[in-house]
């Protein structure tokens, strides 16, 4: 959401981080729905999401429907985890060389299969 809202505390970090990417961002339909809900009252941000999808800068994959058992395992293991986060962990398992771009510190605790750390791009703490 930081990229989409100029008033978000992570807007500048998000813009700088994403400016250097030369390939599409991957996300999940579940995480994207969560973002759309959060930015829904900011019509310009919501329209930017649809533009990013249309022009291929953003791709949303159906992880919840294609990997429901794994999503359920993660939700059972991490009580604080929501469905969007669980689908992003599964996506990171499907694309193990990719790095997850997030401002959510919870991803520092979450683990992939076989207790693997998720490679993150995350703002420095403190």
C-alpha atoms as a PDB file:
ATOM      1  CA  UNK A   1       0.000   0.000   0.000  1.00  0.00           C
ATOM      2  CA  UNK A   2       2.966   2.312   0.549  1.00  0.00           C
ATOM      3  CA  UNK A   3       3.470   2.729  -3.174  1.00  0.00           C
ATOM      4  CA  UNK A   4      -0.160   3.674  -3.755  1.00  0.00           C
ATOM      5  CA  UNK A   5      -0.672   6.261  -1.042  1.00  0.00           C
ATOM      6  CA  UNK A   6       1.483   9.373  -0.807  1.00  0.00           C
ATOM      7  CA  UNK A   7       0.441   9.792   2.824  1.00  0.00           C
ATOM      8  CA  UNK A   8       1.652   6.305   3.756  1.00  0.00           C
ATOM      9  CA  UNK A   9       4.778   6.314   5.943  1.00  0.00           C
ATOM     10  CA  UNK A  10       6.421   3.828   3.545  1.00  0.00           C
ATOM     11  CA  UNK A  11       5.601   5.684   0.307  1.00  0.00           C
ATOM     12  CA  UNK A  12       9.132   6.963  -0.415  1.00  0.00           C
ATOM     13  CA  UNK A  13      10.777   3.670   0.544  1.00  0.00           C
ATOM     14  CA  UNK A  14       8.316   1.796  -1.674  1.00  0.00           C
ATOM     15  CA  UNK A  15       8.887   4.106  -4.653  1.00  0.00           C
ATOM     16  CA  UNK A  16      12.680   3.857  -4.356  1.00  0.00           C
ATOM     17  CA  UNK A  17      12.628   0.088  -3.868  1.00  0.00           C
ATOM     18  CA  UNK A  18      10.322  -0.620  -6.789  1.00  0.00           C
ATOM     19  CA  UNK A  19      11.952   1.906  -9.137  1.00  0.00           C
ATOM     20  CA  UNK A  20      14.937  -0.389  -9.713  1.00  0.00           C
ATOM     21  CA  UNK A  21      12.885  -3.425 -10.744  1.00  0.00           C
ATOM     22  CA  UNK A  22      12.941  -4.423 -14.395  1.00  0.00           C
ATOM     23  CA  UNK A  23      10.433  -7.265 -14.253  1.00  0.00           C
ATOM     24  CA  UNK A  24       6.788  -7.540 -13.156  1.00  0.00           C
ATOM     25  CA  UNK A  25       5.824  -7.761  -9.524  1.00  0.00           C
ATOM     26  CA  UNK A  26       4.155 -11.010  -8.547  1.00  0.00           C
ATOM     27  CA  UNK A  27       1.529 -11.177  -5.859  1.00  0.00           C
ATOM     28  CA  UNK A  28      -1.432 -13.352  -5.037  1.00  0.00           C
ATOM     29  CA  UNK A  29      -5.079 -12.670  -5.730  1.00  0.00           C
ATOM     30  CA  UNK A  30      -5.742 -12.884  -1.991  1.00  0.00           C
ATOM     31  CA  UNK A  31      -3.065 -10.318  -1.081  1.00  0.00           C
ATOM     32  CA  UNK A  32      -4.204  -8.083  -3.945  1.00  0.00           C
ATOM     33  CA  UNK A  33      -7.812  -8.198  -2.728  1.00  0.00           C
ATOM     34  CA  UNK A  34      -6.568  -7.148   0.713  1.00  0.00           C
ATOM     35  CA  UNK A  35      -4.704  -4.187  -0.801  1.00  0.00           C
ATOM     36  CA  UNK A  36      -7.741  -3.178  -2.870  1.00  0.00           C
ATOM     37  CA  UNK A  37      -9.864  -3.228   0.280  1.00  0.00           C
ATOM     38  CA  UNK A  38      -7.334  -1.067   2.146  1.00  0.00           C
ATOM     39  CA  UNK A  39      -6.997   1.523  -0.633  1.00  0.00           C
ATOM     40  CA  UNK A  40     -10.629   1.336  -1.766  1.00  0.00           C
ATOM     41  CA  UNK A  41     -11.534   4.800  -0.535  1.00  0.00           C
ATOM     42  CA  UNK A  42      -8.566   6.239  -2.458  1.00  0.00           C
ATOM     43  CA  UNK A  43      -9.990   5.868  -5.944  1.00  0.00           C
ATOM     44  CA  UNK A  44      -6.789   7.002  -7.671  1.00  0.00           C
ATOM     45  CA  UNK A  45      -4.784   4.292  -5.872  1.00  0.00           C
ATOM     46  CA  UNK A  46      -7.366   1.650  -6.756  1.00  0.00           C
ATOM     47  CA  UNK A  47      -7.245   2.687 -10.399  1.00  0.00           C
ATOM     48  CA  UNK A  48      -3.439   2.501 -10.306  1.00  0.00           C
ATOM     49  CA  UNK A  49      -3.720  -1.144  -9.227  1.00  0.00           C
ATOM     50  CA  UNK A  50      -5.910  -1.928 -12.223  1.00  0.00           C
ATOM     51  CA  UNK A  51      -3.512  -0.065 -14.519  1.00  0.00           C
ATOM     52  CA  UNK A  52      -0.532  -2.002 -13.169  1.00  0.00           C
ATOM     53  CA  UNK A  53      -2.393  -5.252 -13.821  1.00  0.00           C
ATOM     54  CA  UNK A  54      -3.433  -4.146 -17.317  1.00  0.00           C
ATOM     55  CA  UNK A  55       0.038  -3.117 -18.414  1.00  0.00           C
ATOM     56  CA  UNK A  56       1.742  -6.162 -16.895  1.00  0.00           C
ATOM     57  CA  UNK A  57       3.749  -4.423 -14.163  1.00  0.00           C
ATOM     58  CA  UNK A  58       1.793  -6.489 -11.645  1.00  0.00           C
ATOM     59  CA  UNK A  59       0.632 -10.095 -11.908  1.00  0.00           C
ATOM     60  CA  UNK A  60      -1.755 -11.734  -9.445  1.00  0.00           C
ATOM     61  CA  UNK A  61      -1.584 -15.516  -9.109  1.00  0.00           C
ATOM     62  CA  UNK A  62      -4.379 -17.731  -7.672  1.00  0.00           C
ATOM     63  CA  UNK A  63      -2.426 -19.296  -4.806  1.00  0.00           C
ATOM     64  CA  UNK A  64      -5.253 -19.872  -2.305  1.00  0.00           C
ATOM     65  CA  UNK A  65      -7.334 -21.893  -4.748  1.00  0.00           C
ATOM     66  CA  UNK A  66      -4.359 -23.820  -6.147  1.00  0.00           C
ATOM     67  CA  UNK A  67      -2.574 -24.564  -2.819  1.00  0.00           C
ATOM     68  CA  UNK A  68      -5.297 -24.602  -0.127  1.00  0.00           C
ATOM     69  CA  UNK A  69      -3.683 -27.340   1.959  1.00  0.00           C
ATOM     70  CA  UNK A  70      -0.365 -25.482   2.251  1.00  0.00           C
ATOM     71  CA  UNK A  71      -2.139 -22.210   3.041  1.00  0.00           C
ATOM     72  CA  UNK A  72      -4.055 -24.030   5.788  1.00  0.00           C
ATOM     73  CA  UNK A  73      -0.840 -25.497   7.210  1.00  0.00           C
ATOM     74  CA  UNK A  74       0.666 -22.035   7.480  1.00  0.00           C
ATOM     75  CA  UNK A  75      -2.457 -20.554   9.065  1.00  0.00           C
ATOM     76  CA  UNK A  76      -2.430 -23.345  11.645  1.00  0.00           C
ATOM     77  CA  UNK A  77       1.265 -22.854  12.405  1.00  0.00           C
ATOM     78  CA  UNK A  78       1.148 -19.037  12.733  1.00  0.00           C
ATOM     79  CA  UNK A  79      -1.990 -17.854  14.604  1.00  0.00           C
ATOM     80  CA  UNK A  80      -1.265 -14.181  13.828  1.00  0.00           C
ATOM     81  CA  UNK A  81      -0.986 -14.842  10.068  1.00  0.00           C
ATOM     82  CA  UNK A  82      -3.806 -13.796   7.760  1.00  0.00           C
ATOM     83  CA  UNK A  83      -4.728 -15.502   4.491  1.00  0.00           C
ATOM     84  CA  UNK A  84      -2.967 -12.872   2.374  1.00  0.00           C
ATOM     85  CA  UNK A  85       0.317 -13.401   4.208  1.00  0.00           C
ATOM     86  CA  UNK A  86      -0.037 -17.192   3.958  1.00  0.00           C
ATOM     87  CA  UNK A  87      -0.487 -16.986   0.191  1.00  0.00           C
ATOM     88  CA  UNK A  88       2.622 -14.812  -0.102  1.00  0.00           C
ATOM     89  CA  UNK A  89       4.670 -17.382   1.821  1.00  0.00           C
ATOM     90  CA  UNK A  90       3.407 -20.086  -0.558  1.00  0.00           C
ATOM     91  CA  UNK A  91       4.271 -17.853  -3.516  1.00  0.00           C
ATOM     92  CA  UNK A  92       7.800 -17.498  -2.137  1.00  0.00           C
ATOM     93  CA  UNK A  93       8.006 -21.289  -1.985  1.00  0.00           C
ATOM     94  CA  UNK A  94       6.963 -21.537  -5.634  1.00  0.00           C
ATOM     95  CA  UNK A  95       9.555 -18.925  -6.653  1.00  0.00           C
ATOM     96  CA  UNK A  96      12.427 -19.620  -4.228  1.00  0.00           C
ATOM     97  CA  UNK A  97      14.910 -17.217  -5.853  1.00  0.00           C
ATOM     98  CA  UNK A  98      12.501 -14.284  -5.657  1.00  0.00           C
ATOM     99  CA  UNK A  99      12.575 -11.853  -2.754  1.00  0.00           C
ATOM    100  CA  UNK A 100       9.462 -10.729  -0.941  1.00  0.00           C
ATOM    101  CA  UNK A 101       9.130  -6.946  -0.797  1.00  0.00           C
ATOM    102  CA  UNK A 102       7.282  -5.967   2.367  1.00  0.00           C
ATOM    103  CA  UNK A 103       7.155  -3.588   5.308  1.00  0.00           C
ATOM    104  CA  UNK A 104       5.525  -6.266   7.491  1.00  0.00           C
ATOM    105  CA  UNK A 105       7.949  -7.461  10.200  1.00  0.00           C
ATOM    106  CA  UNK A 106       5.926 -10.652  10.664  1.00  0.00           C
ATOM    107  CA  UNK A 107       7.639 -12.050   7.568  1.00  0.00           C
ATOM    108  CA  UNK A 108      10.899 -12.122   9.534  1.00  0.00           C
ATOM    109  CA  UNK A 109       9.321 -14.882  11.679  1.00  0.00           C
ATOM    110  CA  UNK A 110       7.476 -16.814   8.986  1.00  0.00           C
ATOM    111  CA  UNK A 111       9.262 -19.749   7.369  1.00  0.00           C
ATOM    112  CA  UNK A 112       8.970 -21.637   4.130  1.00  0.00           C
ATOM    113  CA  UNK A 113       8.916 -25.411   3.896  1.00  0.00           C
ATOM    114  CA  UNK A 114      11.792 -27.079   5.727  1.00  0.00           C
ATOM    115  CA  UNK A 115      12.113 -24.029   8.003  1.00  0.00           C
ATOM    116  CA  UNK A 116      13.742 -21.905   5.286  1.00  0.00           C
ATOM    117  CA  UNK A 117      14.002 -18.156   5.819  1.00  0.00           C
ATOM    118  CA  UNK A 118      12.066 -16.094   3.306  1.00  0.00           C
ATOM    119  CA  UNK A 119      14.372 -13.739   1.368  1.00  0.00           C
ATOM    120  CA  UNK A 120      13.075 -10.244   2.111  1.00  0.00           C
ATOM    121  CA  UNK A 121      13.451  -6.699   0.930  1.00  0.00           C
ATOM    122  CA  UNK A 122      12.303  -4.817   4.014  1.00  0.00           C
ATOM    123  CA  UNK A 123      13.098  -1.407   5.541  1.00  0.00           C
ATOM    124  CA  UNK A 124      15.857  -1.340   8.109  1.00  0.00           C
ATOM    125  CA  UNK A 125      14.606  -1.568  11.693  1.00  0.00           C
ATOM    126  CA  UNK A 126      15.247   1.282  14.073  1.00  0.00           C
END
